[in-house]
Amino acid sequence: MVNGWTHQLLLAGPAIPASEDADAGEIRIAAFDDCPELAVLVDMLGAAEVDKVVALLVEVTRADIAVFDEALRAYDFDQVTQQLHRIVGSYHLLGPSALADEGRALLAELRTERNASTLPRLWHYRDRIMALAARLERTVAAQRDSDPLMA
């Protein structure tokens, strides 16, 4: 299933730098080394497009987390499962990771057994996703501030 923002990304297509911009692209890509999760996006889209994608990813994450939080507080495991599925799917765009594996394991657990003992792990996962979103946003903002070509 492709959600709305992933669909927008797919329609945008890859950002292929012109040959005269190749050296500048390498410099921009190196600036993302502090956030390895961005490597897949930079490789797929080019550094200039990463800013837009991360902004959309963070916006969608915040909206999904707000619904996820409400569902967790209400013990609405159907809604928790749906939101977790959206979140895990969104971050799949960043490639394989331990965080993605953890999200898929939580989804599998929610689909087979639902009990309150899962709640602390769900809250922990939520906190880790929000920390990653904040780090992605900070990294891209720092890169944008230091690279006039991304503005």
Foldseek 3Di string as FASTA:
>chain_A
DQDDLSVVVVVVFAADDDPVCVVVQVVLLVLCVVQLLCNLVCVGHTLLCLLVSLVVLLVVLVVLLVQLVVCLVVVVLVSVLVSLVVNLVSSCSSPDDPLSVLSVVLSVCSVPDRDPVCSVVSVVSSVVSNVSSVVSNVSSVVSCVVDVVND
